[in-house]
Amino acid sequence: MSDEDLARLQQALDAVAIVGARYSPERQKLIGK
């Protein structure tokens, strides 16, 4: 894998983590929504 591939993979993982945190019930409880 090239550095470019690794960078793309990291961006995808970051996006998944952000969406997962946004929609997880535990996170919503912490936010209070």
N, C-alpha and C. Protein backbone atom coordinates (compact mmCIF):
# COMPACT_ATOMS: atom_id res chain seq x y z
N MET A 1 0.85 -1.20 0.00
CA MET A 1 0.00 0.00 0.00
C MET A 1 0.88 1.25 0.00
N SER A 2 0.47 2.23 -0.76
CA SER A 2 1.22 3.48 -0.81
C SER A 2 0.77 4.41 0.31
N ASP A 3 1.52 5.48 0.52
CA ASP A 3 1.14 6.45 1.55
C ASP A 3 -0.23 7.04 1.24
N GLU A 4 -0.51 7.19 -0.04
CA GLU A 4 -1.80 7.76 -0.44
C GLU A 4 -2.95 6.83 -0.05
N ASP A 5 -2.73 5.52 -0.24
CA ASP A 5 -3.75 4.54 0.15
C ASP A 5 -3.98 4.58 1.66
N LEU A 6 -2.88 4.66 2.41
CA LEU A 6 -2.99 4.70 3.87
C LEU A 6 -3.73 5.95 4.32
N ALA A 7 -3.46 7.07 3.68
CA ALA A 7 -4.14 8.32 4.04
C ALA A 7 -5.63 8.21 3.77
N ARG A 8 -5.98 7.60 2.64
CA ARG A 8 -7.40 7.43 2.31
C ARG A 8 -8.08 6.51 3.31
N LEU A 9 -7.39 5.44 3.70
CA LEU A 9 -7.95 4.50 4.67
C LEU A 9 -8.17 5.20 6.01
N GLN A 10 -7.21 6.02 6.43
CA GLN A 10 -7.34 6.73 7.70
C GLN A 10 -8.52 7.70 7.66
N GLN A 11 -8.71 8.37 6.53
CA GLN A 11 -9.84 9.30 6.40
C GLN A 11 -11.15 8.55 6.51
N ALA A 12 -11.21 7.36 5.90
CA ALA A 12 -12.44 6.56 5.94
C ALA A 12 -12.71 6.11 7.38
N LEU A 13 -11.67 5.69 8.09
CA LEU A 13 -11.85 5.26 9.48
C LEU A 13 -12.30 6.43 10.35
N ASP A 14 -11.73 7.59 10.12
CA ASP A 14 -12.13 8.78 10.88
C ASP A 14 -13.60 9.10 10.63
N ALA A 15 -14.03 9.01 9.38
CA ALA A 15 -15.43 9.30 9.04
C ALA A 15 -16.36 8.31 9.72
N VAL A 16 -15.98 7.04 9.71
CA VAL A 16 -16.81 6.01 10.36
C VAL A 16 -16.90 6.27 11.86
N ALA A 17 -15.78 6.65 12.47
CA ALA A 17 -15.76 6.93 13.91
C ALA A 17 -16.65 8.12 14.25
N ILE A 18 -16.60 9.16 13.42
CA ILE A 18 -17.42 10.35 13.66
C ILE A 18 -18.90 10.02 13.55
N VAL A 19 -19.28 9.30 12.50
CA VAL A 19 -20.69 8.93 12.32
C VAL A 19 -21.13 7.99 13.43
N GLY A 20 -20.28 7.03 13.79
CA GLY A 20 -20.62 6.09 14.85
C GLY A 20 -20.84 6.80 16.17
N ALA A 21 -19.97 7.76 16.49
CA ALA A 21 -20.10 8.51 17.74
C ALA A 21 -21.37 9.35 17.72
N ARG A 22 -21.69 9.91 16.56
CA ARG A 22 -22.86 10.78 16.45
C ARG A 22 -24.15 10.01 16.68
N TYR A 23 -24.19 8.76 16.21
CA TYR A 23 -25.45 8.01 16.27
C TYR A 23 -25.50 6.97 17.38
N SER A 24 -24.44 6.85 18.18
CA SER A 24 -24.46 5.84 19.24
C SER A 24 -25.31 6.32 20.41
N PRO A 25 -26.11 5.43 21.00
CA PRO A 25 -26.98 5.80 22.13
C PRO A 25 -26.19 6.34 23.32
N GLU A 26 -25.02 5.75 23.59
CA GLU A 26 -24.22 6.23 24.73
C GLU A 26 -23.84 7.69 24.54
N ARG A 27 -23.45 8.03 23.34
CA ARG A 27 -23.04 9.40 23.04
C ARG A 27 -24.24 10.35 23.21
N GLN A 28 -25.41 9.92 22.73
CA GLN A 28 -26.59 10.78 22.84
C GLN A 28 -26.96 11.01 24.30
N LYS A 29 -26.77 9.98 25.14
CA LYS A 29 -27.05 10.13 26.57
C LYS A 29 -26.11 11.17 27.17
N LEU A 30 -24.83 11.12 26.78
CA LEU A 30 -23.86 12.08 27.31
C LEU A 30 -24.21 13.50 26.89
N ILE A 31 -24.63 13.66 25.65
CA ILE A 31 -24.99 14.99 25.15
C ILE A 31 -26.29 15.47 25.79
N GLY A 32 -27.18 14.53 26.07
CA GLY A 32 -28.45 14.88 26.72
C GLY A 32 -29.57 15.11 25.73
N LYS A 33 -29.43 14.57 24.51
CA LYS A 33 -30.49 14.77 23.51
C LYS A 33 -31.43 13.57 23.53
